[in-house]
Amino acid sequence: PTVGKSPVDTVIVTTTTPDRPCPATAPAVAARLGLDRVAA
């Protein structure tokens, strides 16, 4: 709660085994890390 904005502004996941063909895995990873509204 003390963080005014995300500690990173972009999340990139490199993988051959994504969770699903669609959508990409990175947005879900960012959300679960609490990285709000970052590019992923």
All heavy atoms as atom14 arrays in JSON, in Angstrom:
{
  "sequence": "PTVGKSPVDTVIVTTTTPDRPCPATAPAVAARLGLDRVAA",
  "atom14_mask": [
    [1, 1, 1, 1, 1, 1, 1, 0, 0, 0, 0, 0, 0, 0],
    [1, 1, 1, 1, 1, 1, 1, 0, 0, 0, 0, 0, 0, 0],
    [1, 1, 1, 1, 1, 1, 1, 0, 0, 0, 0, 0, 0, 0],
    [1, 1, 1, 1, 0, 0, 0, 0, 0, 0, 0, 0, 0, 0],
    [1, 1, 1, 1, 1, 1, 1, 1, 1, 0, 0, 0, 0, 0],
    [1, 1, 1, 1, 1, 1, 0, 0, 0, 0, 0, 0, 0, 0],
    [1, 1, 1, 1, 1, 1, 1, 0, 0, 0, 0, 0, 0, 0],
    [1, 1, 1, 1, 1, 1, 1, 0, 0, 0, 0, 0, 0, 0],
    [1, 1, 1, 1, 1, 1, 1, 1, 0, 0, 0, 0, 0, 0],
    [1, 1, 1, 1, 1, 1, 1, 0, 0, 0, 0, 0, 0, 0],
    [1, 1, 1, 1, 1, 1, 1, 0, 0, 0, 0, 0, 0, 0],
    [1, 1, 1, 1, 1, 1, 1, 1, 0, 0, 0, 0, 0, 0],
    [1, 1, 1, 1, 1, 1, 1, 0, 0, 0, 0, 0, 0, 0],
    [1, 1, 1, 1, 1, 1, 1, 0, 0, 0, 0, 0, 0, 0],
    [1, 1, 1, 1, 1, 1, 1, 0, 0, 0, 0, 0, 0, 0],
    [1, 1, 1, 1, 1, 1, 1, 0, 0, 0, 0, 0, 0, 0],
    [1, 1, 1, 1, 1, 1, 1, 0, 0, 0, 0, 0, 0, 0],
    [1, 1, 1, 1, 1, 1, 1, 0, 0, 0, 0, 0, 0, 0],
    [1, 1, 1, 1, 1, 1, 1, 1, 0, 0, 0, 0, 0, 0],
    [1, 1, 1, 1, 1, 1, 1, 1, 1, 1, 1, 0, 0, 0],
    [1, 1, 1, 1, 1, 1, 1, 0, 0, 0, 0, 0, 0, 0],
    [1, 1, 1, 1, 1, 1, 0, 0, 0, 0, 0, 0, 0, 0],
    [1, 1, 1, 1, 1, 1, 1, 0, 0, 0, 0, 0, 0, 0],
    [1, 1, 1, 1, 1, 0, 0, 0, 0, 0, 0, 0, 0, 0],
    [1, 1, 1, 1, 1, 1, 1, 0, 0, 0, 0, 0, 0, 0],
    [1, 1, 1, 1, 1, 0, 0, 0, 0, 0, 0, 0, 0, 0],
    [1, 1, 1, 1, 1, 1, 1, 0, 0, 0, 0, 0, 0, 0],
    [1, 1, 1, 1, 1, 0, 0, 0, 0, 0, 0, 0, 0, 0],
    [1, 1, 1, 1, 1, 1, 1, 0, 0, 0, 0, 0, 0, 0],
    [1, 1, 1, 1, 1, 0, 0, 0, 0, 0, 0, 0, 0, 0],
    [1, 1, 1, 1, 1, 0, 0, 0, 0, 0, 0, 0, 0, 0],
    [1, 1, 1, 1, 1, 1, 1, 1, 1, 1, 1, 0, 0, 0],
    [1, 1, 1, 1, 1, 1, 1, 1, 0, 0, 0, 0, 0, 0],
    [1, 1, 1, 1, 0, 0, 0, 0, 0, 0, 0, 0, 0, 0],
    [1, 1, 1, 1, 1, 1, 1, 1, 0, 0, 0, 0, 0, 0],
    [1, 1, 1, 1, 1, 1, 1, 1, 0, 0, 0, 0, 0, 0],
    [1, 1, 1, 1, 1, 1, 1, 1, 1, 1, 1, 0, 0, 0],
    [1, 1, 1, 1, 1, 1, 1, 0, 0, 0, 0, 0, 0, 0],
    [1, 1, 1, 1, 1, 0, 0, 0, 0, 0, 0, 0, 0, 0],
    [1, 1, 1, 1, 1, 0, 0, 0, 0, 0, 0, 0, 0, 0]
  ],
  "atom14_positions": [
    [[0.81, -1.22, 0.0], [0.0, 0.0, 0.0], [0.84, 1.27, 0.0], [0.34, 2.34, -0.29], [-0.82, -0.12, 1.29], [-0.06, -1.06, 2.15], [0.6, -2.03, 1.22], [0.0, 0.0, 0.0], [0.0, 0.0, 0.0], [0.0, 0.0, 0.0], [0.0, 0.0, 0.0], [0.0, 0.0, 0.0], [0.0, 0.0, 0.0], [0.0, 0.0, 0.0]],
    [[2.14, 1.15, 0.32], [3.0, 2.33, 0.36], [3.57, 2.67, -1.0], [4.21, 3.7, -1.18], [4.16, 2.1, 1.34], [4.95, 1.0, 0.89], [3.64, 1.82, 2.73], [0.0, 0.0, 0.0], [0.0, 0.0, 0.0], [0.0, 0.0, 0.0], [0.0, 0.0, 0.0], [0.0, 0.0, 0.0], [0.0, 0.0, 0.0], [0.0, 0.0, 0.0]],
    [[3.37, 1.77, -1.97], [3.93, 1.99, -3.3], [2.97, 2.82, -4.13], [1.83, 2.43, -4.35], [4.21, 0.63, -4.0], [4.76, 0.87, -5.39], [5.16, -0.19, -3.16], [0.0, 0.0, 0.0], [0.0, 0.0, 0.0], [0.0, 0.0, 0.0], [0.0, 0.0, 0.0], [0.0, 0.0, 0.0], [0.0, 0.0, 0.0], [0.0, 0.0, 0.0]],
    [[3.45, 3.99, -4.61], [2.59, 4.84, -5.4], [2.39, 4.34, -6.81], [1.37, 4.6, -7.43], [0.0, 0.0, 0.0], [0.0, 0.0, 0.0], [0.0, 0.0, 0.0], [0.0, 0.0, 0.0], [0.0, 0.0, 0.0], [0.0, 0.0, 0.0], [0.0, 0.0, 0.0], [0.0, 0.0, 0.0], [0.0, 0.0, 0.0], [0.0, 0.0, 0.0]],
    [[3.38, 3.65, -7.34], [3.25, 3.08, -8.68], [4.04, 1.78, -8.72], [4.79, 1.44, -7.81], [3.78, 4.06, -9.73], [5.27, 4.4, -9.6], [5.69, 5.32, -10.73], [7.19, 5.61, -10.65], [7.64, 6.48, -11.76], [0.0, 0.0, 0.0], [0.0, 0.0, 0.0], [0.0, 0.0, 0.0], [0.0, 0.0, 0.0], [0.0, 0.0, 0.0]],
    [[3.88, 1.05, -9.81], [4.54, -0.24, -9.93], [6.06, -0.08, -9.89], [6.61, 0.87, -10.46], [4.13, -0.91, -11.25], [4.88, -2.06, -11.47], [0.0, 0.0, 0.0], [0.0, 0.0, 0.0], [0.0, 0.0, 0.0], [0.0, 0.0, 0.0], [0.0, 0.0, 0.0], [0.0, 0.0, 0.0], [0.0, 0.0, 0.0], [0.0, 0.0, 0.0]],
    [[6.77, -1.01, -9.23], [8.23, -0.91, -9.18], [8.89, -1.17, -10.53], [10.07, -0.86, -10.71], [8.63, -1.98, -8.16], [7.49, -2.94, -8.14], [6.27, -2.12, -8.41], [0.0, 0.0, 0.0], [0.0, 0.0, 0.0], [0.0, 0.0, 0.0], [0.0, 0.0, 0.0], [0.0, 0.0, 0.0], [0.0, 0.0, 0.0], [0.0, 0.0, 0.0]],
    [[8.19, -1.77, -11.47], [8.66, -1.89, -12.85], [7.55, -1.42, -13.77], [6.38, -1.37, -13.38], [9.08, -3.35, -13.21], [10.18, -3.85, -12.29], [7.89, -4.29, -13.17], [0.0, 0.0, 0.0], [0.0, 0.0, 0.0], [0.0, 0.0, 0.0], [0.0, 0.0, 0.0], [0.0, 0.0, 0.0], [0.0, 0.0, 0.0], [0.0, 0.0, 0.0]],
    [[7.91, -1.07, -14.99], [6.88, -0.61, -15.91], [6.64, -1.57, -17.07], [5.76, -1.35, -17.9], [7.18, 0.8, -16.46], [8.62, 0.99, -16.86], [9.19, 0.03, -17.42], [9.16, 2.06, -16.61], [0.0, 0.0, 0.0], [0.0, 0.0, 0.0], [0.0, 0.0, 0.0], [0.0, 0.0, 0.0], [0.0, 0.0, 0.0], [0.0, 0.0, 0.0]],
    [[7.44, -2.65, -17.14], [7.27, -3.63, -18.21], [7.6, -5.02, -17.67], [8.58, -5.18, -16.93], [8.19, -3.33, -19.41], [7.93, -2.0, -19.87], [7.95, -4.31, -20.54], [0.0, 0.0, 0.0], [0.0, 0.0, 0.0], [0.0, 0.0, 0.0], [0.0, 0.0, 0.0], [0.0, 0.0, 0.0], [0.0, 0.0, 0.0], [0.0, 0.0, 0.0]],
    [[6.8, -6.01, -18.05], [7.07, -7.41, -17.72], [7.13, -8.19, -19.03], [6.19, -8.14, -19.83], [5.99, -8.01, -16.79], [6.23, -9.51, -16.58], [5.96, -7.28, -15.46], [0.0, 0.0, 0.0], [0.0, 0.0, 0.0], [0.0, 0.0, 0.0], [0.0, 0.0, 0.0], [0.0, 0.0, 0.0], [0.0, 0.0, 0.0], [0.0, 0.0, 0.0]],
    [[8.23, -8.9, -19.23], [8.41, -9.74, -20.41], [8.6, -11.17, -19.93], [9.45, -11.44, -19.09], [9.63, -9.3, -21.25], [9.5, -7.84, -21.69], [9.79, -10.21, -22.47], [10.76, -7.3, -22.37], [0.0, 0.0, 0.0], [0.0, 0.0, 0.0], [0.0, 0.0, 0.0], [0.0, 0.0, 0.0], [0.0, 0.0, 0.0], [0.0, 0.0, 0.0]],
    [[7.81, -12.08, -20.47], [7.97, -13.51, -20.19], [8.39, -14.2, -21.47], [7.69, -14.12, -22.49], [6.68, -14.13, -19.64], [6.83, -15.65, -19.51], [6.32, -13.53, -18.29], [0.0, 0.0, 0.0], [0.0, 0.0, 0.0], [0.0, 0.0, 0.0], [0.0, 0.0, 0.0], [0.0, 0.0, 0.0], [0.0, 0.0, 0.0], [0.0, 0.0, 0.0]],
    [[9.55, -14.85, -21.45], [10.0, -15.62, -22.59], [9.73, -17.08, -22.32], [10.16, -17.63, -21.31], [11.51, -15.39, -22.85], [12.27, -15.98, -21.8], [11.82, -13.91, -22.94], [0.0, 0.0, 0.0], [0.0, 0.0, 0.0], [0.0, 0.0, 0.0], [0.0, 0.0, 0.0], [0.0, 0.0, 0.0], [0.0, 0.0, 0.0], [0.0, 0.0, 0.0]],
    [[8.98, -17.72, -23.22], [8.55, -19.1, -22.96], [8.14, -19.8, -24.25], [7.7, -19.16, -25.2], [7.39, -19.14, -21.96], [7.08, -20.5, -21.63], [6.15, -18.45, -22.5], [0.0, 0.0, 0.0], [0.0, 0.0, 0.0], [0.0, 0.0, 0.0], [0.0, 0.0, 0.0], [0.0, 0.0, 0.0], [0.0, 0.0, 0.0], [0.0, 0.0, 0.0]],
    [[8.28, -21.11, -24.25], [7.75, -21.96, -25.31], [6.49, -22.67, -24.83], [5.78, -23.28, -25.63], [8.81, -23.02, -25.71], [10.0, -22.35, -26.09], [8.36, -23.88, -26.87], [0.0, 0.0, 0.0], [0.0, 0.0, 0.0], [0.0, 0.0, 0.0], [0.0, 0.0, 0.0], [0.0, 0.0, 0.0], [0.0, 0.0, 0.0], [0.0, 0.0, 0.0]],
    [[6.23, -22.59, -23.54], [5.11, -23.33, -22.95], [4.18, -22.37, -22.22], [4.03, -22.44, -21.0], [5.63, -24.4, -21.98], [6.44, -23.77, -20.96], [6.47, -25.44, -22.71], [0.0, 0.0, 0.0], [0.0, 0.0, 0.0], [0.0, 0.0, 0.0], [0.0, 0.0, 0.0], [0.0, 0.0, 0.0], [0.0, 0.0, 0.0], [0.0, 0.0, 0.0]],
    [[3.55, -21.45, -22.93], [2.63, -20.51, -22.27], [1.48, -21.25, -21.61], [1.17, -22.39, -21.97], [2.15, -19.62, -23.41], [2.29, -20.46, -24.64], [3.52, -21.3, -24.4], [0.0, 0.0, 0.0], [0.0, 0.0, 0.0], [0.0, 0.0, 0.0], [0.0, 0.0, 0.0], [0.0, 0.0, 0.0], [0.0, 0.0, 0.0], [0.0, 0.0, 0.0]],
    [[0.85, -20.61, -20.65], [-0.29, -21.24, -19.99], [-1.37, -21.62, -21.0], [-2.01, -22.66, -20.88], [-0.9, -20.28, -18.96], [-0.05, -20.18, -17.69], [1.09, -20.69, -17.7], [-0.54, -19.6, -16.71], [0.0, 0.0, 0.0], [0.0, 0.0, 0.0], [0.0, 0.0, 0.0], [0.0, 0.0, 0.0], [0.0, 0.0, 0.0], [0.0, 0.0, 0.0]],
    [[-1.58, -20.76, -21.99], [-2.61, -20.99, -23.02], [-2.12, -20.39, -24.34], [-1.31, -19.47, -24.34], [-3.93, -20.3, -22.62], [-4.52, -20.8, -21.3], [-5.74, -19.98, -20.91], [-6.3, -20.45, -19.65], [-5.9, -20.04, -18.45], [-4.92, -19.13, -18.36], [-6.47, -20.52, -17.36], [0.0, 0.0, 0.0], [0.0, 0.0, 0.0], [0.0, 0.0, 0.0]],
    [[-2.64, -20.88, -25.48], [-2.3, -20.23, -26.75], [-2.73, -18.77, -26.78], [-2.11, -17.93, -27.42], [-3.08, -21.05, -27.79], [-3.28, -22.39, -27.16], [-3.46, -22.1, -25.69], [0.0, 0.0, 0.0], [0.0, 0.0, 0.0], [0.0, 0.0, 0.0], [0.0, 0.0, 0.0], [0.0, 0.0, 0.0], [0.0, 0.0, 0.0], [0.0, 0.0, 0.0]],
    [[-3.82, -18.46, -26.09], [-4.32, -17.09, -26.0], [-5.04, -16.95, -24.66], [-5.83, -17.83, -24.29], [-5.28, -16.82, -27.15], [-6.12, -15.22, -27.1], [0.0, 0.0, 0.0], [0.0, 0.0, 0.0], [0.0, 0.0, 0.0], [0.0, 0.0, 0.0], [0.0, 0.0, 0.0], [0.0, 0.0, 0.0], [0.0, 0.0, 0.0], [0.0, 0.0, 0.0]],
    [[-4.74, -15.93, -23.87], [-3.84, -14.8, -24.12], [-2.4, -15.12, -23.73], [-2.09, -16.24, -23.3], [-4.42, -13.73, -23.19], [-4.89, -14.52, -22.0], [-5.46, -15.79, -22.58], [0.0, 0.0, 0.0], [0.0, 0.0, 0.0], [0.0, 0.0, 0.0], [0.0, 0.0, 0.0], [0.0, 0.0, 0.0], [0.0, 0.0, 0.0], [0.0, 0.0, 0.0]],
    [[-1.55, -14.11, -23.84], [-0.16, -14.26, -23.41], [-0.1, -14.5, -21.91], [-1.02, -14.16, -21.15], [0.63, -13.0, -23.77], [0.0, 0.0, 0.0], [0.0, 0.0, 0.0], [0.0, 0.0, 0.0], [0.0, 0.0, 0.0], [0.0, 0.0, 0.0], [0.0, 0.0, 0.0], [0.0, 0.0, 0.0], [0.0, 0.0, 0.0], [0.0, 0.0, 0.0]],
    [[1.0, -15.09, -21.47], [1.19, -15.42, -20.05], [1.63, -14.21, -19.23], [1.29, -14.1, -18.05], [2.2, -16.57, -19.93], [1.7, -17.71, -20.64], [2.45, -16.96, -18.49], [0.0, 0.0, 0.0], [0.0, 0.0, 0.0], [0.0, 0.0, 0.0], [0.0, 0.0, 0.0], [0.0, 0.0, 0.0], [0.0, 0.0, 0.0], [0.0, 0.0, 0.0]],
    [[2.38, -13.3, -19.82], [2.97, -12.19, -19.07], [1.95, -11.31, -18.33], [2.18, -10.93, -17.19], [3.83, -11.32, -19.99], [0.0, 0.0, 0.0], [0.0, 0.0, 0.0], [0.0, 0.0, 0.0], [0.0, 0.0, 0.0], [0.0, 0.0, 0.0], [0.0, 0.0, 0.0], [0.0, 0.0, 0.0], [0.0, 0.0, 0.0], [0.0, 0.0, 0.0]],
    [[0.8, -10.93, -18.93], [-0.14, -10.11, -18.18], [-0.63, -10.77, -16.9], [-0.78, -10.11, -15.87], [-1.29, -9.89, -19.18], [-0.64, -9.99, -20.52], [0.39, -11.07, -20.35], [0.0, 0.0, 0.0], [0.0, 0.0, 0.0], [0.0, 0.0, 0.0], [0.0, 0.0, 0.0], [0.0, 0.0, 0.0], [0.0, 0.0, 0.0], [0.0, 0.0, 0.0]],
    [[-0.88, -12.08, -16.94], [-1.32, -12.78, -15.73], [-0.22, -12.8, -14.68], [-0.48, -12.64, -13.48], [-1.75, -14.21, -16.08], [0.0, 0.0, 0.0], [0.0, 0.0, 0.0], [0.0, 0.0, 0.0], [0.0, 0.0, 0.0], [0.0, 0.0, 0.0], [0.0, 0.0, 0.0], [0.0, 0.0, 0.0], [0.0, 0.0, 0.0], [0.0, 0.0, 0.0]],
    [[1.03, -12.98, -15.13], [2.16, -12.95, -14.19], [2.27, -11.58, -13.54], [2.45, -11.46, -12.32], [3.46, -13.32, -14.93], [4.68, -13.08, -14.04], [3.43, -14.78, -15.39], [0.0, 0.0, 0.0], [0.0, 0.0, 0.0], [0.0, 0.0, 0.0], [0.0, 0.0, 0.0], [0.0, 0.0, 0.0], [0.0, 0.0, 0.0], [0.0, 0.0, 0.0]],
    [[2.17, -10.53, -14.35], [2.24, -9.17, -13.81], [1.14, -8.94, -12.79], [1.39, -8.37, -11.71], [2.15, -8.16, -14.95], [0.0, 0.0, 0.0], [0.0, 0.0, 0.0], [0.0, 0.0, 0.0], [0.0, 0.0, 0.0], [0.0, 0.0, 0.0], [0.0, 0.0, 0.0], [0.0, 0.0, 0.0], [0.0, 0.0, 0.0], [0.0, 0.0, 0.0]],
    [[-0.07, -9.35, -13.09], [-1.2, -9.14, -12.18], [-0.98, -9.87, -10.86], [-1.24, -9.33, -9.78], [-2.5, -9.6, -12.83], [0.0, 0.0, 0.0], [0.0, 0.0, 0.0], [0.0, 0.0, 0.0], [0.0, 0.0, 0.0], [0.0, 0.0, 0.0], [0.0, 0.0, 0.0], [0.0, 0.0, 0.0], [0.0, 0.0, 0.0], [0.0, 0.0, 0.0]],
    [[-0.49, -11.11, -10.93], [-0.28, -11.88, -9.71], [0.86, -11.32, -8.87], [0.91, -11.53, -7.66], [-0.02, -13.34, -10.07], [-1.28, -14.04, -10.59], [-0.98, -15.42, -11.11], [-0.38, -16.27, -10.08], [0.09, -17.5, -10.33], [0.04, -17.98, -11.56], [0.61, -18.22, -9.35], [0.0, 0.0, 0.0], [0.0, 0.0, 0.0], [0.0, 0.0, 0.0]],
    [[1.77, -10.58, -9.5], [2.84, -9.92, -8.76], [2.42, -8.55, -8.25], [3.21, -7.85, -7.62], [4.09, -9.78, -9.65], [4.84, -11.09, -9.96], [5.9, -10.85, -11.02], [5.48, -11.64, -8.69], [0.0, 0.0, 0.0], [0.0, 0.0, 0.0], [0.0, 0.0, 0.0], [0.0, 0.0, 0.0], [0.0, 0.0, 0.0], [0.0, 0.0, 0.0]],
    [[1.19, -8.15, -8.52], [0.71, -6.86, -8.07], [1.24, -5.7, -8.88], [1.24, -4.56, -8.41], [0.0, 0.0, 0.0], [0.0, 0.0, 0.0], [0.0, 0.0, 0.0], [0.0, 0.0, 0.0], [0.0, 0.0, 0.0], [0.0, 0.0, 0.0], [0.0, 0.0, 0.0], [0.0, 0.0, 0.0], [0.0, 0.0, 0.0], [0.0, 0.0, 0.0]],
    [[1.67, -5.95, -10.1], [2.21, -4.91, -10.98], [1.06, -4.37, -11.82], [0.71, -4.92, -12.86], [3.33, -5.49, -11.84], [4.46, -6.17, -11.06], [5.46, -6.81, -12.0], [5.15, -5.17, -10.13], [0.0, 0.0, 0.0], [0.0, 0.0, 0.0], [0.0, 0.0, 0.0], [0.0, 0.0, 0.0], [0.0, 0.0, 0.0], [0.0, 0.0, 0.0]],
    [[0.49, -3.29, -11.37], [-0.76, -2.78, -11.91], [-0.56, -2.02, -13.21], [0.22, -1.07, -13.27], [-1.43, -1.89, -10.86], [-2.81, -1.44, -11.3], [-3.54, -2.26, -11.9], [-3.17, -0.28, -11.02], [0.0, 0.0, 0.0], [0.0, 0.0, 0.0], [0.0, 0.0, 0.0], [0.0, 0.0, 0.0], [0.0, 0.0, 0.0], [0.0, 0.0, 0.0]],
    [[-1.24, -2.45, -14.26], [-1.35, -1.73, -15.52], [-0.02, -1.54, -16.25], [0.13, -0.6, -17.05], [-2.02, -0.37, -15.31], [-3.44, -0.49, -14.75], [-4.11, 0.86, -14.64], [-5.43, 0.73, -14.03], [-6.26, 1.75, -13.83], [-5.9, 2.98, -14.19], [-7.45, 1.54, -13.28], [0.0, 0.0, 0.0], [0.0, 0.0, 0.0], [0.0, 0.0, 0.0]],
    [[0.94, -2.41, -15.99], [2.21, -2.3, -16.7], [2.09, -2.95, -18.07], [1.2, -3.76, -18.33], [3.35, -2.99, -15.91], [3.51, -2.36, -14.53], [3.11, -4.5, -15.78], [0.0, 0.0, 0.0], [0.0, 0.0, 0.0], [0.0, 0.0, 0.0], [0.0, 0.0, 0.0], [0.0, 0.0, 0.0], [0.0, 0.0, 0.0], [0.0, 0.0, 0.0]],
    [[3.0, -2.59, -18.98], [3.09, -3.3, -20.25], [3.55, -4.72, -19.96], [4.45, -4.94, -19.13], [4.08, -2.6, -21.18], [0.0, 0.0, 0.0], [0.0, 0.0, 0.0], [0.0, 0.0, 0.0], [0.0, 0.0, 0.0], [0.0, 0.0, 0.0], [0.0, 0.0, 0.0], [0.0, 0.0, 0.0], [0.0, 0.0, 0.0], [0.0, 0.0, 0.0]],
    [[2.94, -5.7, -20.61], [3.29, -7.1, -20.36], [3.04, -7.91, -21.63], [1.96, -7.85, -22.2], [2.48, -7.66, -19.2], [0.0, 0.0, 0.0], [0.0, 0.0, 0.0], [0.0, 0.0, 0.0], [0.0, 0.0, 0.0], [0.0, 0.0, 0.0], [0.0, 0.0, 0.0], [0.0, 0.0, 0.0], [0.0, 0.0, 0.0], [0.0, 0.0, 0.0]]
  ]
}
